[in-house]
Protein backbone atom coordinates (compact mmCIF):
# COMPACT_ATOMS: atom_id res chain seq x y z
CA MET A 1 -0.02 0.06 0.11
CA LYS A 2 2.82 2.25 0.30
CA ARG A 3 3.73 2.73 -3.05
CA PRO A 4 0.17 3.72 -4.16
CA LEU A 5 -0.06 6.29 -1.28
CA LYS A 6 3.23 7.95 -2.40
CA ILE A 7 1.46 8.72 -5.62
CA LEU A 8 -1.96 9.39 -4.49
CA ILE A 9 -1.13 12.00 -1.59
CA PRO A 10 1.15 14.20 -3.79
CA LEU A 11 -1.54 13.90 -6.55
CA ALA A 12 -4.28 14.89 -3.98
CA PHE A 13 -2.19 17.75 -2.63
CA TRP A 14 -1.62 19.38 -6.04
CA LEU A 15 -5.12 18.88 -7.10
CA LEU A 16 -6.42 20.69 -3.97
CA VAL A 17 -3.89 23.55 -4.55
CA TRP A 18 -5.20 23.73 -8.33
CA THR A 19 -8.87 23.83 -7.12
CA LEU A 20 -7.98 26.71 -4.47
CA ALA A 21 -6.29 28.65 -7.18
CA SER A 22 -8.85 28.35 -9.62
CA TRP A 23 -11.64 29.24 -7.04
CA ALA A 24 -9.29 32.28 -6.13
CA VAL A 25 -9.11 33.47 -9.69
CA GLY A 26 -12.69 33.00 -10.29
CA ARG A 27 -12.80 32.71 -13.85
CA ASP A 28 -12.25 29.61 -16.38
CA LEU A 29 -10.57 31.84 -19.01
CA LEU A 30 -7.65 32.57 -16.78
CA LEU A 31 -7.48 29.34 -14.69
CA PRO A 32 -10.10 26.34 -15.07
CA GLY A 33 -10.27 24.08 -12.13
CA PRO A 34 -9.43 20.34 -12.32
CA VAL A 35 -13.07 19.23 -12.63
CA ARG A 36 -13.67 21.45 -15.66
CA VAL A 37 -10.49 20.43 -17.43
CA GLY A 38 -11.47 16.59 -16.47
CA GLU A 39 -14.81 17.24 -18.11
CA ARG A 40 -13.16 18.61 -21.47
CA PHE A 41 -10.38 16.08 -21.37
CA LEU A 42 -13.12 13.29 -21.24
CA ALA A 43 -15.18 14.93 -23.69
CA LEU A 44 -12.18 15.22 -26.29
CA ALA A 45 -11.26 11.53 -25.76
CA GLY A 46 -14.49 10.60 -27.09
CA THR A 47 -13.69 12.17 -30.41
CA ALA A 48 -11.77 10.89 -33.29
CA ASP A 49 -9.98 14.27 -33.67
CA LEU A 50 -8.14 13.74 -30.27
CA TRP A 51 -6.87 10.18 -31.41
CA LEU A 52 -5.90 11.26 -35.03
CA SER A 53 -3.93 14.15 -33.64
CA VAL A 54 -2.33 11.94 -31.08
CA GLY A 55 -1.33 9.22 -33.69
CA ALA A 56 0.14 11.78 -35.93
CA THR A 57 2.17 13.41 -33.26
CA LEU A 58 3.43 10.03 -31.86
CA GLY A 59 4.58 9.13 -35.33
CA ARG A 60 6.61 12.33 -35.81
CA VAL A 61 8.08 11.90 -32.41
CA PHE A 62 9.09 8.51 -32.65
CA LEU A 63 10.41 9.11 -36.34
CA GLY A 64 12.71 11.79 -34.79
CA LEU A 65 13.70 9.66 -31.84
CA PHE A 66 14.70 6.77 -34.28
CA TRP A 67 16.72 8.85 -36.82
CA GLY A 68 18.28 10.95 -34.03
CA ALA A 69 19.21 7.76 -31.91
CA LEU A 70 20.62 6.20 -35.37
CA ALA A 71 22.76 9.24 -36.24
CA GLY A 72 24.03 9.63 -32.77
CA THR A 73 24.94 6.18 -32.66
CA ALA A 74 26.78 6.26 -35.68
CA LEU A 75 28.53 9.71 -34.87
CA ALA A 76 29.54 8.18 -31.51
CA PHE A 77 31.47 5.38 -33.06
CA ALA A 78 32.91 7.77 -35.80
CA THR A 79 34.27 10.39 -33.27
CA HIS A 80 35.65 7.51 -31.02
CA PHE A 81 37.53 5.46 -33.74
CA SER A 82 38.45 8.43 -35.85
CA PRO A 83 40.59 11.41 -34.66
CA TRP A 84 39.75 13.51 -37.65
CA ALA A 85 35.92 12.73 -37.32
CA ASP A 86 36.21 13.84 -33.72
CA ARG A 87 37.71 17.09 -34.71
CA LEU A 88 35.18 17.80 -37.19
CA ILE A 89 32.01 16.43 -36.00
CA SER A 90 32.05 16.89 -32.05
CA PRO A 91 32.09 20.80 -32.36
CA ALA A 92 28.89 20.63 -34.48
CA VAL A 93 27.21 18.23 -32.08
CA ARG A 94 28.08 20.50 -29.05
CA VAL A 95 26.66 23.41 -31.13
CA VAL A 96 23.49 21.53 -31.63
CA ARG A 97 23.20 20.49 -27.83
CA ALA A 98 23.71 24.28 -27.05
CA THR A 99 21.42 26.06 -29.15
CA PRO A 100 17.86 26.75 -28.04
CA VAL A 101 15.19 24.67 -29.51
CA VAL A 102 13.14 27.47 -30.94
CA SER A 103 16.11 28.75 -32.84
CA PHE A 104 16.14 25.19 -34.88
CA ILE A 105 12.42 25.40 -35.21
CA LEU A 106 12.62 28.96 -36.92
CA LEU A 107 15.57 27.94 -38.98
CA VAL A 108 14.37 24.48 -39.92
CA TYR A 109 10.94 26.36 -41.11
CA LEU A 110 12.68 27.82 -43.85
CA TRP A 111 14.02 24.52 -45.23
CA VAL A 112 11.69 21.85 -44.89
CA PRO A 113 7.79 21.18 -45.12
CA ARG A 114 5.65 22.11 -42.35
CA GLU A 115 4.53 18.36 -41.44
CA ALA A 116 8.45 17.26 -41.21
CA ILE A 117 9.48 20.10 -39.04
CA PRO A 118 8.52 18.16 -35.76
CA TRP A 119 10.37 15.03 -36.46
CA VAL A 120 13.50 16.92 -37.74
CA ILE A 121 13.44 18.96 -34.51
CA ALA A 122 12.83 15.87 -32.43
CA GLY A 123 15.63 13.99 -33.96
CA LEU A 124 18.20 17.09 -33.69
CA MET A 125 17.45 17.05 -30.00
CA VAL A 126 18.00 13.25 -29.52
CA LEU A 127 21.07 13.05 -31.69
CA PRO A 128 23.49 14.79 -29.17
CA VAL A 129 22.21 13.24 -26.09
CA VAL A 130 22.65 9.71 -27.53
CA TRP A 131 25.91 10.60 -28.98
CA GLY A 132 27.22 12.01 -25.59
CA ALA A 133 25.95 8.88 -23.58
CA LEU A 134 27.70 6.47 -26.23
CA SER A 135 30.77 8.59 -26.45
CA ALA A 136 31.05 8.26 -22.55
CA GLY A 137 30.55 4.59 -22.69
CA LEU A 138 33.12 4.08 -25.28
CA GLY A 139 35.54 6.18 -23.48
CA ASN A 140 35.02 4.03 -20.43
CA LEU A 141 35.22 0.73 -22.17
CA ASP A 142 37.75 -1.64 -20.45
CA GLY A 143 41.01 -1.90 -22.44
CA LYS A 144 41.80 -5.36 -20.87
CA LEU A 145 38.65 -6.65 -22.59
CA LEU A 146 39.85 -5.44 -26.02
CA GLU A 147 43.19 -6.97 -25.32
CA MET A 148 41.46 -10.26 -24.65
CA ALA A 149 39.59 -9.99 -27.80
CA ARG A 150 42.64 -9.24 -29.87
CA ALA A 151 44.41 -12.08 -28.02
CA TYR A 152 41.88 -14.61 -29.06
CA ARG A 153 41.70 -13.17 -32.49
CA PHE A 154 37.70 -12.26 -32.18
CA SER A 155 36.37 -10.89 -35.47
CA ARG A 156 34.97 -7.42 -35.56
CA ILE A 157 31.29 -8.77 -35.24
CA LYS A 158 32.18 -10.87 -32.35
CA THR A 159 34.05 -7.99 -30.48
CA LEU A 160 31.05 -5.72 -31.16
CA ARG A 161 28.50 -8.45 -29.89
CA LEU A 162 30.45 -9.56 -26.88
CA ILE A 163 32.28 -6.62 -25.67
CA TYR A 164 30.89 -3.42 -27.28
CA LEU A 165 27.10 -4.07 -26.72
CA PRO A 166 27.02 -5.29 -23.23
CA ALA A 167 29.38 -2.34 -22.09
CA LEU A 168 27.28 0.16 -23.88
CA ARG A 169 23.76 -1.10 -23.29
CA PRO A 170 23.35 0.98 -19.98
CA HIS A 171 24.51 4.04 -21.42
CA PHE A 172 22.51 3.74 -24.56
CA SER A 173 19.43 2.98 -22.16
CA ALA A 174 19.97 5.91 -19.90
CA GLY A 175 20.47 8.23 -23.27
CA LEU A 176 17.58 6.88 -24.86
CA LEU A 177 15.10 7.75 -22.08
CA THR A 178 16.39 11.10 -21.67
CA ALA A 179 16.30 11.68 -25.41
CA PHE A 180 12.67 10.39 -25.46
CA GLY A 181 11.53 13.19 -23.05
CA LEU A 182 13.40 15.64 -25.20
CA ALA A 183 11.93 14.52 -28.48
CA TRP A 184 8.48 14.57 -27.13
CA LYS A 185 8.63 18.00 -25.83
CA SER A 186 10.64 19.71 -28.79
CA GLY A 187 8.52 17.75 -31.36
CA VAL A 188 5.22 19.22 -29.60
CA ALA A 189 6.82 22.71 -29.50
CA ALA A 190 7.69 22.43 -33.07
CA GLU A 191 3.85 21.56 -33.70
CA VAL A 192 2.90 24.48 -31.67
CA ILE A 193 4.98 27.04 -33.45
CA CYS A 194 4.69 25.51 -36.88
CA PRO A 195 1.27 23.61 -36.85
CA PRO A 196 0.77 20.84 -39.26
CA VAL A 197 -2.51 19.94 -40.43
CA ARG A 198 -3.24 17.44 -37.71
CA ALA A 199 -1.21 17.36 -34.37
CA VAL A 200 -1.69 17.91 -30.62
CA GLY A 201 0.54 20.86 -30.90
CA SER A 202 -1.77 22.30 -33.50
CA ARG A 203 -4.75 21.73 -31.28
CA ILE A 204 -3.03 23.61 -28.39
CA GLN A 205 -2.40 26.41 -30.69
CA GLN A 206 -6.04 26.55 -31.84
CA ALA A 207 -7.15 26.31 -28.38
CA ARG A 208 -4.93 29.33 -27.33
CA LEU A 209 -6.06 31.62 -30.40
CA GLY A 210 -9.62 30.81 -29.71
CA LEU A 211 -9.29 31.68 -25.79
CA GLU A 212 -10.51 28.11 -25.00
CA THR A 213 -8.56 27.78 -21.93
CA PRO A 214 -10.19 24.51 -20.58
CA ASP A 215 -9.46 22.96 -23.81
CA LEU A 216 -5.74 24.35 -23.75
CA PHE A 217 -5.56 22.59 -20.20
CA ALA A 218 -7.11 19.39 -21.52
CA TRP A 219 -4.76 18.94 -24.63
CA THR A 220 -1.76 19.53 -22.38
CA LEU A 221 -3.14 17.04 -19.95
CA THR A 222 -3.19 14.62 -23.00
CA ILE A 223 0.42 15.38 -23.59
CA VAL A 224 1.42 14.81 -19.95
CA VAL A 225 -0.48 11.53 -19.64
CA LEU A 226 0.87 10.24 -22.97
CA SER A 227 4.62 11.32 -21.97
CA LEU A 228 4.48 9.45 -18.69
CA THR A 229 2.82 6.43 -19.74
CA LEU A 230 5.29 6.11 -22.92
CA GLU A 231 8.29 6.91 -20.69
CA GLY A 232 7.09 4.21 -18.32
CA LEU A 233 6.90 1.69 -20.87
CA LEU A 234 10.10 2.53 -22.52
CA ARG A 235 11.76 2.23 -19.16
CA ARG A 236 10.24 -1.28 -18.58
CA GLY A 237 10.94 -2.38 -21.93
CA LEU A 238 14.75 -1.42 -21.52
CA GLU A 239 14.86 -3.00 -18.13
CA TRP A 240 13.38 -6.18 -19.32
CA ARG A 241 15.74 -6.18 -22.27
CA ARG A 242 18.71 -5.67 -19.79
CA LYS A 243 17.62 -8.79 -17.93
CA VAL A 244 17.35 -10.92 -21.10
C-alpha cells in the first residue's frame, strides 16, 4: 500500500492546490479548475480528432527519436575511432546541443515542409544526447577486454557483440530515456510554433487562439499523460531487455 499512497497523496495535494487557485481566480478563462479540465479531457477523448492528432504526433516523435538515435550512435562510433572525425564532428554536435530549440524550429521552417518540422526537430534534440551517452560509454570501455579480444583473434562482429554491446547498453538506455523526453517536448513545441494539419500541438495552438482555456489545459493534460505512460513503457522495456 505504501507505493500507491506515495503517488496518490502528492497528486491529491496538488489537485487541491489547483482547485483553490482556480476558486481564487474565479474565471475559467484564466485558470479552469481540475473538474472542468477533466470534463473537457473526457469529452475530447470521445472524439476521433483527439486520437488522430495523438497518432500523428506520436508518429512524428518516434520518427525523430529513431533517426536521432541512429545518427547519434553512428557519430559516436565515428568520433571515437577516428581522430579527424572527432575534430570535425564533435564541435558541431556540441553546437546543436547548446542551441535553443526555438532557434532550430525557426531555421528548419525555412528549409523543410511544415509536416516534417516536428520529427526533424525531435531528431536534432535526440542526436547529441545519444552521442554524448555512447561517447562516454566508449571512453570508459575496459581496455583489458579489448586486449583479450585481440589475443583470441575475435572478429569485429564478435567483438562488437560480446564486448561493445554489453558495455554500451546501460549508457544507451540512459541516453534513450533522456532523449525520449526531449523528443516529445521539442516535437510538440515545433507543432505549436509551426502547426501541421493534424497534431496535438496544432490543437493547443487553436485552443490558445480561440481563448478556450479548458481545452488548452485538456490538450496539455493529454501530452502529460502520454509522456508519462510512454516513458514508463520505454523504461520497462529497456529493463526487461537488460535482464534477457
